[in-house]
Amino acid sequence: MDVLADEAESVKLKLTDGIDVAEDGVIYSLDDLKLGFLEGKPHGRLLSYDLATSSTTVLLSHLYYPNGLSLSPLREHLVFSETPLRRCSKYYTRGEKRGNVELFVQGLPSIPDNIRYDGEGHY
């Protein structure tokens, strides 16, 4: 097995989770630096890894134990969960809103663990 990346912005990856791959070869992933779930602190990050350039970029930081992500069918955004906050947010990967984040759903009845698009309009 080859390691594609082991750090982002000179910080070692600790606990990566929730990988999805766009058709352009960009890999999106989540990383929690210090098991923020146990500490209740925002140590998590949303990352992208570009296969063409072999570069890792931190897209968002200060996330509360991000645990699962899924690209939308048209790949214009991804939805990721923050487990202890019982919420999911949307991060725009394309278009006018690229780089923006908005709340997708909050106050879930239980803690979210991973997220996937079912192909029928539901996450």
PDB file of N, CA and C in Angstrom:
ATOM      1  N   MET A   1       0.840  -1.164   0.000  1.00  0.00           N
ATOM      2  CA  MET A   1       0.000   0.000   0.000  1.00  0.00           C
ATOM      3  C   MET A   1       0.891   1.235   0.000  1.00  0.00           C
ATOM      4  N   ASP A   2       0.561   2.210  -0.840  1.00  0.00           N
ATOM      5  CA  ASP A   2       1.300   3.463  -0.901  1.00  0.00           C
ATOM      6  C   ASP A   2       0.609   4.522  -0.052  1.00  0.00           C
ATOM      7  N   VAL A   3       1.390   5.316   0.637  1.00  0.00           N
ATOM      8  CA  VAL A   3       0.877   6.438   1.410  1.00  0.00           C
ATOM      9  C   VAL A   3       0.869   7.657   0.495  1.00  0.00           C
ATOM     10  N   LEU A   4      -0.304   8.234   0.276  1.00  0.00           N
ATOM     11  CA  LEU A   4      -0.415   9.415  -0.574  1.00  0.00           C
ATOM     12  C   LEU A   4      -0.031  10.684   0.174  1.00  0.00           C
ATOM     13  N   ALA A   5      -0.426  10.770   1.434  1.00  0.00           N
ATOM     14  CA  ALA A   5      -0.118  11.950   2.248  1.00  0.00           C
ATOM     15  C   ALA A   5      -0.110  11.543   3.710  1.00  0.00           C
ATOM     16  N   ASP A   6       0.774  12.150   4.468  1.00  0.00           N
ATOM     17  CA  ASP A   6       0.792  11.888   5.910  1.00  0.00           C
ATOM     18  C   ASP A   6       0.789  13.175   6.725  1.00  0.00           C
ATOM     19  N   GLU A   7       0.650  14.331   6.019  1.00  0.00           N
ATOM     20  CA  GLU A   7       0.549  15.606   6.711  1.00  0.00           C
ATOM     21  C   GLU A   7      -0.157  16.630   5.827  1.00  0.00           C
ATOM     22  N   ALA A   8      -0.630  17.682   6.475  1.00  0.00           N
ATOM     23  CA  ALA A   8      -1.240  18.815   5.773  1.00  0.00           C
ATOM     24  C   ALA A   8      -0.851  20.073   6.520  1.00  0.00           C
ATOM     25  N   GLU A   9      -0.326  21.046   5.796  1.00  0.00           N
ATOM     26  CA  GLU A   9       0.170  22.288   6.395  1.00  0.00           C
ATOM     27  C   GLU A   9       1.161  21.998   7.523  1.00  0.00           C
ATOM     28  N   SER A  10       2.051  21.063   7.276  1.00  0.00           N
ATOM     29  CA  SER A  10       3.120  20.659   8.203  1.00  0.00           C
ATOM     30  C   SER A  10       2.607  20.033   9.497  1.00  0.00           C
ATOM     31  N   VAL A  11       1.365  19.589   9.513  1.00  0.00           N
ATOM     32  CA  VAL A  11       0.800  18.913  10.682  1.00  0.00           C
ATOM     33  C   VAL A  11       0.477  17.479  10.276  1.00  0.00           C
ATOM     34  N   LYS A  12       1.004  16.517  11.023  1.00  0.00           N
ATOM     35  CA  LYS A  12       0.794  15.106  10.723  1.00  0.00           C
ATOM     36  C   LYS A  12      -0.682  14.741  10.808  1.00  0.00           C
ATOM     37  N   LEU A  13      -1.118  13.890   9.901  1.00  0.00           N
ATOM     38  CA  LEU A  13      -2.481  13.365   9.953  1.00  0.00           C
ATOM     39  C   LEU A  13      -2.556  12.372  11.102  1.00  0.00           C
ATOM     40  N   LYS A  14      -3.652  12.389  11.824  1.00  0.00           N
ATOM     41  CA  LYS A  14      -3.808  11.507  12.988  1.00  0.00           C
ATOM     42  C   LYS A  14      -4.869  10.436  12.748  1.00  0.00           C
ATOM     43  N   LEU A  15      -6.101  10.876  12.497  1.00  0.00           N
ATOM     44  CA  LEU A  15      -7.214   9.950  12.330  1.00  0.00           C
ATOM     45  C   LEU A  15      -8.017  10.398  11.119  1.00  0.00           C
ATOM     46  N   THR A  16      -7.717   9.833   9.964  1.00  0.00           N
ATOM     47  CA  THR A  16      -8.442  10.206   8.749  1.00  0.00           C
ATOM     48  C   THR A  16      -9.655   9.318   8.582  1.00  0.00           C
ATOM     49  N   ASP A  17     -10.707   9.891   7.999  1.00  0.00           N
ATOM     50  CA  ASP A  17     -11.981   9.191   7.899  1.00  0.00           C
ATOM     51  C   ASP A  17     -12.795   9.825   6.776  1.00  0.00           C
ATOM     52  N   GLY A  18     -13.783   9.111   6.295  1.00  0.00           N
ATOM     53  CA  GLY A  18     -14.766   9.666   5.379  1.00  0.00           C
ATOM     54  C   GLY A  18     -14.220  10.080   4.037  1.00  0.00           C
ATOM     55  N   ILE A  19     -13.667   9.186   3.290  1.00  0.00           N
ATOM     56  CA  ILE A  19     -13.047   9.525   2.008  1.00  0.00           C
ATOM     57  C   ILE A  19     -14.054   9.423   0.868  1.00  0.00           C
ATOM     58  N   ASP A  20     -13.992  10.405  -0.059  1.00  0.00           N
ATOM     59  CA  ASP A  20     -14.744  10.351  -1.309  1.00  0.00           C
ATOM     60  C   ASP A  20     -13.852  10.945  -2.391  1.00  0.00           C
ATOM     61  N   VAL A  21     -14.034  10.480  -3.629  1.00  0.00           N
ATOM     62  CA  VAL A  21     -13.160  10.873  -4.732  1.00  0.00           C
ATOM     63  C   VAL A  21     -13.983  11.504  -5.847  1.00  0.00           C
ATOM     64  N   ALA A  22     -13.571  12.685  -6.283  1.00  0.00           N
ATOM     65  CA  ALA A  22     -14.222  13.374  -7.398  1.00  0.00           C
ATOM     66  C   ALA A  22     -13.666  12.850  -8.714  1.00  0.00           C
ATOM     67  N   GLU A  23     -14.409  13.082  -9.797  1.00  0.00           N
ATOM     68  CA  GLU A  23     -13.989  12.572 -11.104  1.00  0.00           C
ATOM     69  C   GLU A  23     -12.703  13.214 -11.600  1.00  0.00           C
ATOM     70  N   ASP A  24     -12.325  14.373 -11.050  1.00  0.00           N
ATOM     71  CA  ASP A  24     -11.080  15.023 -11.450  1.00  0.00           C
ATOM     72  C   ASP A  24      -9.869  14.514 -10.669  1.00  0.00           C
ATOM     73  N   GLY A  25     -10.077  13.500  -9.844  1.00  0.00           N
ATOM     74  CA  GLY A  25      -8.980  12.892  -9.102  1.00  0.00           C
ATOM     75  C   GLY A  25      -8.706  13.521  -7.751  1.00  0.00           C
ATOM     76  N   VAL A  26      -9.512  14.485  -7.332  1.00  0.00           N
ATOM     77  CA  VAL A  26      -9.334  15.085  -6.013  1.00  0.00           C
ATOM     78  C   VAL A  26      -9.997  14.174  -4.985  1.00  0.00           C
ATOM     79  N   ILE A  27      -9.233  13.856  -3.940  1.00  0.00           N
ATOM     80  CA  ILE A  27      -9.720  13.006  -2.858  1.00  0.00           C
ATOM     81  C   ILE A  27     -10.053  13.909  -1.676  1.00  0.00           C
ATOM     82  N   TYR A  28     -11.259  13.795  -1.173  1.00  0.00           N
ATOM     83  CA  TYR A  28     -11.678  14.559  -0.003  1.00  0.00           C
ATOM     84  C   TYR A  28     -11.670  13.632   1.199  1.00  0.00           C
ATOM     85  N   SER A  29     -11.197  14.150   2.336  1.00  0.00           N
ATOM     86  CA  SER A  29     -11.101  13.347   3.540  1.00  0.00           C
ATOM     87  C   SER A  29     -11.241  14.242   4.759  1.00  0.00           C
ATOM     88  N   LEU A  30     -11.455  13.606   5.885  1.00  0.00           N
ATOM     89  CA  LEU A  30     -11.535  14.293   7.162  1.00  0.00           C
ATOM     90  C   LEU A  30     -10.394  13.805   8.038  1.00  0.00           C
ATOM     91  N   ASP A  31      -9.945  14.660   8.945  1.00  0.00           N
ATOM     92  CA  ASP A  31      -8.874  14.294   9.863  1.00  0.00           C
ATOM     93  C   ASP A  31      -9.184  14.918  11.211  1.00  0.00           C
ATOM     94  N   ASP A  32      -8.983  14.165  12.277  1.00  0.00           N
ATOM     95  CA  ASP A  32      -9.122  14.698  13.622  1.00  0.00           C
ATOM     96  C   ASP A  32      -7.764  14.586  14.288  1.00  0.00           C
ATOM     97  N   LEU A  33      -7.226  15.711  14.705  1.00  0.00           N
ATOM     98  CA  LEU A  33      -5.851  15.771  15.173  1.00  0.00           C
ATOM     99  C   LEU A  33      -5.620  15.174  16.558  1.00  0.00           C
ATOM    100  N   LYS A  34      -6.605  15.272  17.433  1.00  0.00           N
ATOM    101  CA  LYS A  34      -6.375  14.851  18.814  1.00  0.00           C
ATOM    102  C   LYS A  34      -7.579  14.146  19.417  1.00  0.00           C
ATOM    103  N   LEU A  35      -8.303  13.391  18.627  1.00  0.00           N
ATOM    104  CA  LEU A  35      -9.516  12.733  19.109  1.00  0.00           C
ATOM    105  C   LEU A  35     -10.442  13.727  19.794  1.00  0.00           C
ATOM    106  N   GLY A  36     -10.803  14.753  19.040  1.00  0.00           N
ATOM    107  CA  GLY A  36     -11.652  15.823  19.546  1.00  0.00           C
ATOM    108  C   GLY A  36     -12.971  15.355  20.112  1.00  0.00           C
ATOM    109  N   PHE A  37     -13.461  14.196  19.677  1.00  0.00           N
ATOM    110  CA  PHE A  37     -14.712  13.667  20.209  1.00  0.00           C
ATOM    111  C   PHE A  37     -14.609  13.463  21.714  1.00  0.00           C
ATOM    112  N   LEU A  38     -13.477  12.923  22.153  1.00  0.00           N
ATOM    113  CA  LEU A  38     -13.282  12.663  23.576  1.00  0.00           C
ATOM    114  C   LEU A  38     -13.037  13.951  24.364  1.00  0.00           C
ATOM    115  N   GLU A  39     -12.388  14.906  23.736  1.00  0.00           N
ATOM    116  CA  GLU A  39     -12.071  16.162  24.402  1.00  0.00           C
ATOM    117  C   GLU A  39     -13.183  17.199  24.278  1.00  0.00           C
ATOM    118  N   GLY A  40     -14.066  17.037  23.299  1.00  0.00           N
ATOM    119  CA  GLY A  40     -15.105  18.032  23.068  1.00  0.00           C
ATOM    120  C   GLY A  40     -14.558  19.327  22.499  1.00  0.00           C
ATOM    121  N   LYS A  41     -13.434  19.215  21.773  1.00  0.00           N
ATOM    122  CA  LYS A  41     -12.801  20.405  21.206  1.00  0.00           C
ATOM    123  C   LYS A  41     -12.699  20.265  19.692  1.00  0.00           C
ATOM    124  N   PRO A  42     -12.677  21.398  18.985  1.00  0.00           N
ATOM    125  CA  PRO A  42     -12.664  21.364  17.516  1.00  0.00           C
ATOM    126  C   PRO A  42     -11.261  21.196  16.919  1.00  0.00           C
ATOM    127  N   HIS A  43     -10.773  19.960  16.886  1.00  0.00           N
ATOM    128  CA  HIS A  43      -9.454  19.670  16.325  1.00  0.00           C
ATOM    129  C   HIS A  43      -9.534  19.121  14.907  1.00  0.00           C
ATOM    130  N   GLY A  44     -10.743  18.954  14.370  1.00  0.00           N
ATOM    131  CA  GLY A  44     -10.906  18.301  13.078  1.00  0.00           C
ATOM    132  C   GLY A  44     -10.683  19.215  11.885  1.00  0.00           C
ATOM    133  N   ARG A  45     -10.383  18.555  10.726  1.00  0.00           N
ATOM    134  CA  ARG A  45     -10.132  19.297   9.493  1.00  0.00           C
ATOM    135  C   ARG A  45     -10.776  18.570   8.309  1.00  0.00           C
ATOM    136  N   LEU A  46     -11.161  19.348   7.320  1.00  0.00           N
ATOM    137  CA  LEU A  46     -11.595  18.825   6.026  1.00  0.00           C
ATOM    138  C   LEU A  46     -10.428  19.052   5.078  1.00  0.00           C
ATOM    139  N   LEU A  47     -10.013  17.988   4.391  1.00  0.00           N
ATOM    140  CA  LEU A  47      -8.834  18.032   3.531  1.00  0.00           C
ATOM    141  C   LEU A  47      -9.177  17.641   2.106  1.00  0.00           C
ATOM    142  N   SER A  48      -8.343  18.100   1.188  1.00  0.00           N
ATOM    143  CA  SER A  48      -8.404  17.583  -0.176  1.00  0.00           C
ATOM    144  C   SER A  48      -6.986  17.197  -0.586  1.00  0.00           C
ATOM    145  N   TYR A  49      -6.902  16.146  -1.375  1.00  0.00           N
ATOM    146  CA  TYR A  49      -5.629  15.690  -1.920  1.00  0.00           C
ATOM    147  C   TYR A  49      -5.783  15.604  -3.426  1.00  0.00           C
ATOM    148  N   ASP A  50      -4.930  16.329  -4.143  1.00  0.00           N
ATOM    149  CA  ASP A  50      -4.989  16.369  -5.598  1.00  0.00           C
ATOM    150  C   ASP A  50      -3.980  15.379  -6.164  1.00  0.00           C
ATOM    151  N   LEU A  51      -4.485  14.341  -6.823  1.00  0.00           N
ATOM    152  CA  LEU A  51      -3.609  13.327  -7.403  1.00  0.00           C
ATOM    153  C   LEU A  51      -2.676  13.903  -8.460  1.00  0.00           C
ATOM    154  N   ALA A  52      -3.134  14.902  -9.221  1.00  0.00           N
ATOM    155  CA  ALA A  52      -2.331  15.487 -10.300  1.00  0.00           C
ATOM    156  C   ALA A  52      -1.113  16.230  -9.766  1.00  0.00           C
ATOM    157  N   THR A  53      -1.265  16.887  -8.616  1.00  0.00           N
ATOM    158  CA  THR A  53      -0.169  17.690  -8.069  1.00  0.00           C
ATOM    159  C   THR A  53       0.457  17.077  -6.818  1.00  0.00           C
ATOM    160  N   SER A  54      -0.120  15.982  -6.336  1.00  0.00           N
ATOM    161  CA  SER A  54       0.337  15.328  -5.088  1.00  0.00           C
ATOM    162  C   SER A  54       0.359  16.303  -3.916  1.00  0.00           C
ATOM    163  N   SER A  55      -0.639  17.196  -3.865  1.00  0.00           N
ATOM    164  CA  SER A  55      -0.677  18.182  -2.788  1.00  0.00           C
ATOM    165  C   SER A  55      -1.928  18.025  -1.935  1.00  0.00           C
ATOM    166  N   THR A  56      -1.747  18.245  -0.641  1.00  0.00           N
ATOM    167  CA  THR A  56      -2.836  18.187   0.326  1.00  0.00           C
ATOM    168  C   THR A  56      -3.164  19.600   0.777  1.00  0.00           C
ATOM    169  N   THR A  57      -4.449  19.932   0.807  1.00  0.00           N
ATOM    170  CA  THR A  57      -4.907  21.265   1.201  1.00  0.00           C
ATOM    171  C   THR A  57      -5.902  21.136   2.345  1.00  0.00           C
ATOM    172  N   VAL A  58      -5.760  21.982   3.353  1.00  0.00           N
ATOM    173  CA  VAL A  58      -6.746  22.070   4.429  1.00  0.00           C
ATOM    174  C   VAL A  58      -7.835  23.021   3.959  1.00  0.00           C
ATOM    175  N   LEU A  59      -9.042  22.488   3.772  1.00  0.00           N
ATOM    176  CA  LEU A  59     -10.165  23.301   3.302  1.00  0.00           C
ATOM    177  C   LEU A  59     -10.890  23.977   4.458  1.00  0.00           C
ATOM    178  N   LEU A  60     -11.032  23.259   5.560  1.00  0.00           N
ATOM    179  CA  LEU A  60     -11.664  23.779   6.773  1.00  0.00           C
ATOM    180  C   LEU A  60     -10.916  23.227   7.976  1.00  0.00           C
ATOM    181  N   SER A  61     -10.907  23.987   9.042  1.00  0.00           N
ATOM    182  CA  SER A  61     -10.335  23.499  10.291  1.00  0.00           C
ATOM    183  C   SER A  61     -11.287  23.855  11.433  1.00  0.00           C
ATOM    184  N   HIS A  62     -10.937  23.468  12.617  1.00  0.00           N
ATOM    185  CA  HIS A  62     -11.732  23.719  13.828  1.00  0.00           C
ATOM    186  C   HIS A  62     -13.095  23.028  13.760  1.00  0.00           C
ATOM    187  N   LEU A  63     -13.108  21.807  13.253  1.00  0.00           N
ATOM    188  CA  LEU A  63     -14.344  21.021  13.194  1.00  0.00           C
ATOM    189  C   LEU A  63     -14.427  20.104  14.409  1.00  0.00           C
ATOM    190  N   TYR A  64     -15.643  19.846  14.864  1.00  0.00           N
ATOM    191  CA  TYR A  64     -15.877  18.973  16.013  1.00  0.00           C
ATOM    192  C   TYR A  64     -16.026  17.528  15.548  1.00  0.00           C
ATOM    193  N   TYR A  65     -14.986  16.768  15.704  1.00  0.00           N
ATOM    194  CA  TYR A  65     -14.896  15.363  15.323  1.00  0.00           C
ATOM    195  C   TYR A  65     -15.674  15.062  14.038  1.00  0.00           C
ATOM    196  N   PRO A  66     -15.147  15.535  12.910  1.00  0.00           N
ATOM    197  CA  PRO A  66     -15.797  15.243  11.628  1.00  0.00           C
ATOM    198  C   PRO A  66     -15.699  13.753  11.342  1.00  0.00           C
ATOM    199  N   ASN A  67     -16.824  13.152  11.000  1.00  0.00           N
ATOM    200  CA  ASN A  67     -16.863  11.697  10.922  1.00  0.00           C
ATOM    201  C   ASN A  67     -17.765  11.268   9.775  1.00  0.00           C
ATOM    202  N   GLY A  68     -17.304  11.441   8.573  1.00  0.00           N
ATOM    203  CA  GLY A  68     -18.046  11.013   7.399  1.00  0.00           C
ATOM    204  C   GLY A  68     -18.315  12.155   6.452  1.00  0.00           C
ATOM    205  N   LEU A  69     -18.162  11.881   5.146  1.00  0.00           N
ATOM    206  CA  LEU A  69     -18.476  12.866   4.126  1.00  0.00           C
ATOM    207  C   LEU A  69     -18.934  12.159   2.870  1.00  0.00           C
ATOM    208  N   SER A  70     -19.665  12.897   2.041  1.00  0.00           N
ATOM    209  CA  SER A  70     -20.156  12.354   0.782  1.00  0.00           C
ATOM    210  C   SER A  70     -20.307  13.492  -0.225  1.00  0.00           C
ATOM    211  N   LEU A  71     -19.742  13.298  -1.406  1.00  0.00           N
ATOM    212  CA  LEU A  71     -19.925  14.264  -2.485  1.00  0.00           C
ATOM    213  C   LEU A  71     -21.343  14.174  -3.025  1.00  0.00           C
ATOM    214  N   SER A  72     -21.884  15.310  -3.442  1.00  0.00           N
ATOM    215  CA  SER A  72     -23.212  15.336  -4.051  1.00  0.00           C
ATOM    216  C   SER A  72     -23.142  14.701  -5.439  1.00  0.00           C
ATOM    217  N   PRO A  73     -24.277  14.297  -6.003  1.00  0.00           N
ATOM    218  CA  PRO A  73     -24.273  13.640  -7.315  1.00  0.00           C
ATOM    219  C   PRO A  73     -23.605  14.466  -8.413  1.00  0.00           C
ATOM    220  N   LEU A  74     -23.774  15.779  -8.395  1.00  0.00           N
ATOM    221  CA  LEU A  74     -23.167  16.640  -9.413  1.00  0.00           C
ATOM    222  C   LEU A  74     -21.792  17.150  -8.996  1.00  0.00           C
ATOM    223  N   ARG A  75     -21.335  16.722  -7.824  1.00  0.00           N
ATOM    224  CA  ARG A  75     -20.002  17.060  -7.304  1.00  0.00           C
ATOM    225  C   ARG A  75     -19.795  18.548  -7.051  1.00  0.00           C
ATOM    226  N   GLU A  76     -20.885  19.311  -6.873  1.00  0.00           N
ATOM    227  CA  GLU A  76     -20.745  20.732  -6.618  1.00  0.00           C
ATOM    228  C   GLU A  76     -20.550  21.038  -5.132  1.00  0.00           C
ATOM    229  N   HIS A  77     -20.845  20.080  -4.283  1.00  0.00           N
ATOM    230  CA  HIS A  77     -20.622  20.240  -2.850  1.00  0.00           C
ATOM    231  C   HIS A  77     -20.440  18.862  -2.213  1.00  0.00           C
ATOM    232  N   LEU A  78     -20.007  18.879  -0.982  1.00  0.00           N
ATOM    233  CA  LEU A  78     -19.982  17.652  -0.198  1.00  0.00           C
ATOM    234  C   LEU A  78     -20.664  17.929   1.122  1.00  0.00           C
ATOM    235  N   VAL A  79     -21.199  16.894   1.713  1.00  0.00           N
ATOM    236  CA  VAL A  79     -21.848  16.986   3.018  1.00  0.00           C
ATOM    237  C   VAL A  79     -20.970  16.219   3.994  1.00  0.00           C
ATOM    238  N   PHE A  80     -20.681  16.829   5.144  1.00  0.00           N
ATOM    239  CA  PHE A  80     -19.873  16.158   6.166  1.00  0.00           C
ATOM    240  C   PHE A  80     -20.553  16.290   7.522  1.00  0.00           C
ATOM    241  N   SER A  81     -20.287  15.319   8.379  1.00  0.00           N
ATOM    242  CA  SER A  81     -20.904  15.320   9.697  1.00  0.00           C
ATOM    243  C   SER A  81     -19.903  15.751  10.763  1.00  0.00           C
ATOM    244  N   GLU A  82     -20.429  16.358  11.819  1.00  0.00           N
ATOM    245  CA  GLU A  82     -19.669  16.645  13.028  1.00  0.00           C
ATOM    246  C   GLU A  82     -20.407  15.919  14.152  1.00  0.00           C
ATOM    247  N   THR A  83     -19.846  14.808  14.557  1.00  0.00           N
ATOM    248  CA  THR A  83     -20.523  13.855  15.428  1.00  0.00           C
ATOM    249  C   THR A  83     -21.043  14.449  16.740  1.00  0.00           C
ATOM    250  N   PRO A  84     -20.206  15.078  17.582  1.00  0.00           N
ATOM    251  CA  PRO A  84     -20.733  15.505  18.885  1.00  0.00           C
ATOM    252  C   PRO A  84     -21.757  16.636  18.800  1.00  0.00           C
ATOM    253  N   LEU A  85     -21.747  17.395  17.703  1.00  0.00           N
ATOM    254  CA  LEU A  85     -22.715  18.482  17.549  1.00  0.00           C
ATOM    255  C   LEU A  85     -24.022  18.023  16.920  1.00  0.00           C
ATOM    256  N   ARG A  86     -24.050  16.746  16.496  1.00  0.00           N
ATOM    257  CA  ARG A  86     -25.240  16.148  15.871  1.00  0.00           C
ATOM    258  C   ARG A  86     -25.717  17.000  14.692  1.00  0.00           C
ATOM    259  N   ARG A  87     -24.743  17.365  13.838  1.00  0.00           N
ATOM    260  CA  ARG A  87     -25.091  18.166  12.680  1.00  0.00           C
ATOM    261  C   ARG A  87     -24.269  17.744  11.464  1.00  0.00           C
ATOM    262  N   CYS A  88     -24.783  18.148  10.299  1.00  0.00           N
ATOM    263  CA  CYS A  88     -24.081  17.953   9.032  1.00  0.00           C
ATOM    264  C   CYS A  88     -24.043  19.301   8.326  1.00  0.00           C
ATOM    265  N   SER A  89     -22.931  19.566   7.673  1.00  0.00           N
ATOM    266  CA  SER A  89     -22.752  20.822   6.941  1.00  0.00           C
ATOM    267  C   SER A  89     -22.425  20.524   5.491  1.00  0.00           C
ATOM    268  N   LYS A  90     -22.592  21.538   4.674  1.00  0.00           N
ATOM    269  CA  LYS A  90     -22.338  21.437   3.243  1.00  0.00           C
ATOM    270  C   LYS A  90     -21.143  22.339   2.913  1.00  0.00           C
ATOM    271  N   TYR A  91     -20.147  21.783   2.228  1.00  0.00           N
ATOM    272  CA  TYR A  91     -18.982  22.536   1.774  1.00  0.00           C
ATOM    273  C   TYR A  91     -19.004  22.543   0.255  1.00  0.00           C
ATOM    274  N   TYR A  92     -18.991  23.745  -0.346  1.00  0.00           N
ATOM    275  CA  TYR A  92     -19.060  23.863  -1.799  1.00  0.00           C
ATOM    276  C   TYR A  92     -17.687  23.657  -2.437  1.00  0.00           C
ATOM    277  N   THR A  93     -17.618  22.745  -3.395  1.00  0.00           N
ATOM    278  CA  THR A  93     -16.374  22.409  -4.071  1.00  0.00           C
ATOM    279  C   THR A  93     -16.257  23.066  -5.440  1.00  0.00           C
ATOM    280  N   ARG A  94     -17.351  23.635  -5.944  1.00  0.00           N
ATOM    281  CA  ARG A  94     -17.383  24.260  -7.276  1.00  0.00           C
ATOM    282  C   ARG A  94     -18.300  25.474  -7.279  1.00  0.00           C
ATOM    283  N   GLY A  95     -18.190  26.227  -8.363  1.00  0.00           N
ATOM    284  CA  GLY A  95     -19.132  27.314  -8.625  1.00  0.00           C
ATOM    285  C   GLY A  95     -18.902  28.562  -7.792  1.00  0.00           C
ATOM    286  N   GLU A  96     -19.902  29.451  -7.822  1.00  0.00           N
ATOM    287  CA  GLU A  96     -19.836  30.732  -7.116  1.00  0.00           C
ATOM    288  C   GLU A  96     -19.609  30.579  -5.623  1.00  0.00           C
ATOM    289  N   LYS A  97     -20.169  29.550  -5.053  1.00  0.00           N
ATOM    290  CA  LYS A  97     -20.076  29.344  -3.601  1.00  0.00           C
ATOM    291  C   LYS A  97     -18.848  28.537  -3.181  1.00  0.00           C
ATOM    292  N   ARG A  98     -17.975  28.198  -4.130  1.00  0.00           N
ATOM    293  CA  ARG A  98     -16.813  27.368  -3.830  1.00  0.00           C
ATOM    294  C   ARG A  98     -16.078  27.881  -2.583  1.00  0.00           C
ATOM    295  N   GLY A  99     -15.818  26.963  -1.659  1.00  0.00           N
ATOM    296  CA  GLY A  99     -15.130  27.299  -0.417  1.00  0.00           C
ATOM    297  C   GLY A  99     -16.045  27.730   0.704  1.00  0.00           C
ATOM    298  N   ASN A 100     -17.334  27.953   0.419  1.00  0.00           N
ATOM    299  CA  ASN A 100     -18.290  28.352   1.451  1.00  0.00           C
ATOM    300  C   ASN A 100     -18.872  27.130   2.143  1.00  0.00           C
ATOM    301  N   VAL A 101     -19.307  27.349   3.363  1.00  0.00           N
ATOM    302  CA  VAL A 101     -19.915  26.302   4.179  1.00  0.00           C
ATOM    303  C   VAL A 101     -21.280  26.785   4.631  1.00  0.00           C
ATOM    304  N   GLU A 102     -22.245  25.872   4.632  1.00  0.00           N
ATOM    305  CA  GLU A 102     -23.556  26.197   5.195  1.00  0.00           C
ATOM    306  C   GLU A 102     -24.098  24.978   5.920  1.00  0.00           C
ATOM    307  N   LEU A 103     -24.958  25.245   6.871  1.00  0.00           N
ATOM    308  CA  LEU A 103     -25.574  24.179   7.640  1.00  0.00           C
ATOM    309  C   LEU A 103     -26.477  23.356   6.733  1.00  0.00           C
ATOM    310  N   PHE A 104     -26.384  22.048   6.828  1.00  0.00           N
ATOM    311  CA  PHE A 104     -27.221  21.136   6.048  1.00  0.00           C
ATOM    312  C   PHE A 104     -28.361  20.613   6.918  1.00  0.00           C
ATOM    313  N   VAL A 105     -28.033  20.133   8.102  1.00  0.00           N
ATOM    314  CA  VAL A 105     -29.039  19.672   9.073  1.00  0.00           C
ATOM    315  C   VAL A 105     -28.397  19.696  10.456  1.00  0.00           C
ATOM    316  N   GLN A 106     -29.194  20.066  11.466  1.00  0.00           N
ATOM    317  CA  GLN A 106     -28.685  20.024  12.838  1.00  0.00           C
ATOM    318  C   GLN A 106     -29.755  19.485  13.762  1.00  0.00           C
ATOM    319  N   GLY A 107     -29.348  19.139  14.968  1.00  0.00           N
ATOM    320  CA  GLY A 107     -30.280  18.601  15.946  1.00  0.00           C
ATOM    321  C   GLY A 107     -30.740  17.197  15.603  1.00  0.00           C
ATOM    322  N   LEU A 108     -29.853  16.423  14.989  1.00  0.00           N
ATOM    323  CA  LEU A 108     -30.207  15.033  14.658  1.00  0.00           C
ATOM    324  C   LEU A 108     -30.536  14.271  15.937  1.00  0.00           C
ATOM    325  N   PRO A 109     -31.429  13.295  15.869  1.00  0.00           N
ATOM    326  CA  PRO A 109     -31.836  12.576  17.076  1.00  0.00           C
ATOM    327  C   PRO A 109     -30.736  11.707  17.685  1.00  0.00           C
ATOM    328  N   SER A 110     -29.702  11.416  16.918  1.00  0.00           N
ATOM    329  CA  SER A 110     -28.558  10.668  17.444  1.00  0.00           C
ATOM    330  C   SER A 110     -27.301  11.208  16.779  1.00  0.00           C
ATOM    331  N   ILE A 111     -26.162  10.720  17.210  1.00  0.00           N
ATOM    332  CA  ILE A 111     -24.917  11.238  16.650  1.00  0.00           C
ATOM    333  C   ILE A 111     -24.662  10.634  15.274  1.00  0.00           C
ATOM    334  N   PRO A 112     -24.323  11.476  14.297  1.00  0.00           N
ATOM    335  CA  PRO A 112     -24.051  10.956  12.952  1.00  0.00           C
ATOM    336  C   PRO A 112     -22.695  10.259  12.898  1.00  0.00           C
ATOM    337  N   ASP A 113     -22.689   9.141  12.216  1.00  0.00           N
ATOM    338  CA  ASP A 113     -21.466   8.367  12.027  1.00  0.00           C
ATOM    339  C   ASP A 113     -21.423   7.951  10.566  1.00  0.00           C
ATOM    340  N   ASN A 114     -20.626   8.651   9.793  1.00  0.00           N
ATOM    341  CA  ASN A 114     -20.525   8.467   8.346  1.00  0.00           C
ATOM    342  C   ASN A 114     -21.772   9.003   7.654  1.00  0.00           C
ATOM    343  N   ILE A 115     -21.656   9.209   6.369  1.00  0.00           N
ATOM    344  CA  ILE A 115     -22.764   9.735   5.580  1.00  0.00           C
ATOM    345  C   ILE A 115     -22.543   9.313   4.142  1.00  0.00           C
ATOM    346  N   ARG A 116     -23.595   8.930   3.479  1.00  0.00           N
ATOM    347  CA  ARG A 116     -23.525   8.513   2.071  1.00  0.00           C
ATOM    348  C   ARG A 116     -24.780   8.960   1.346  1.00  0.00           C
ATOM    349  N   TYR A 117     -24.603   9.295   0.073  1.00  0.00           N
ATOM    350  CA  TYR A 117     -25.725   9.612  -0.796  1.00  0.00           C
ATOM    351  C   TYR A 117     -26.273   8.302  -1.341  1.00  0.00           C
ATOM    352  N   ASP A 118     -27.580   8.104  -1.300  1.00  0.00           N
ATOM    353  CA  ASP A 118     -28.162   6.818  -1.695  1.00  0.00           C
ATOM    354  C   ASP A 118     -28.487   6.707  -3.178  1.00  0.00           C
ATOM    355  N   GLY A 119     -28.268   7.769  -3.967  1.00  0.00           N
ATOM    356  CA  GLY A 119     -28.564   7.735  -5.380  1.00  0.00           C
ATOM    357  C   GLY A 119     -30.005   8.054  -5.710  1.00  0.00           C
ATOM    358  N   GLU A 120     -30.820   8.270  -4.682  1.00  0.00           N
ATOM    359  CA  GLU A 120     -32.233   8.557  -4.879  1.00  0.00           C
ATOM    360  C   GLU A 120     -32.652   9.874  -4.230  1.00  0.00           C
ATOM    361  N   GLY A 121     -31.704  10.752  -3.998  1.00  0.00           N
ATOM    362  CA  GLY A 121     -32.029  12.063  -3.437  1.00  0.00           C
ATOM    363  C   GLY A 121     -31.900  12.179  -1.939  1.00  0.00           C
ATOM    364  N   HIS A 122     -31.378  11.163  -1.272  1.00  0.00           N
ATOM    365  CA  HIS A 122     -31.276  11.190   0.187  1.00  0.00           C
ATOM    366  C   HIS A 122     -29.848  10.901   0.639  1.00  0.00           C
ATOM    367  N   TYR A 123     -29.479  11.539   1.760  1.00  0.00           N
ATOM    368  CA  TYR A 123     -28.199  11.243   2.403  1.00  0.00           C
ATOM    369  C   TYR A 123     -28.480  10.400   3.621  1.00  0.00           C
TER     370      TYR A 123
END
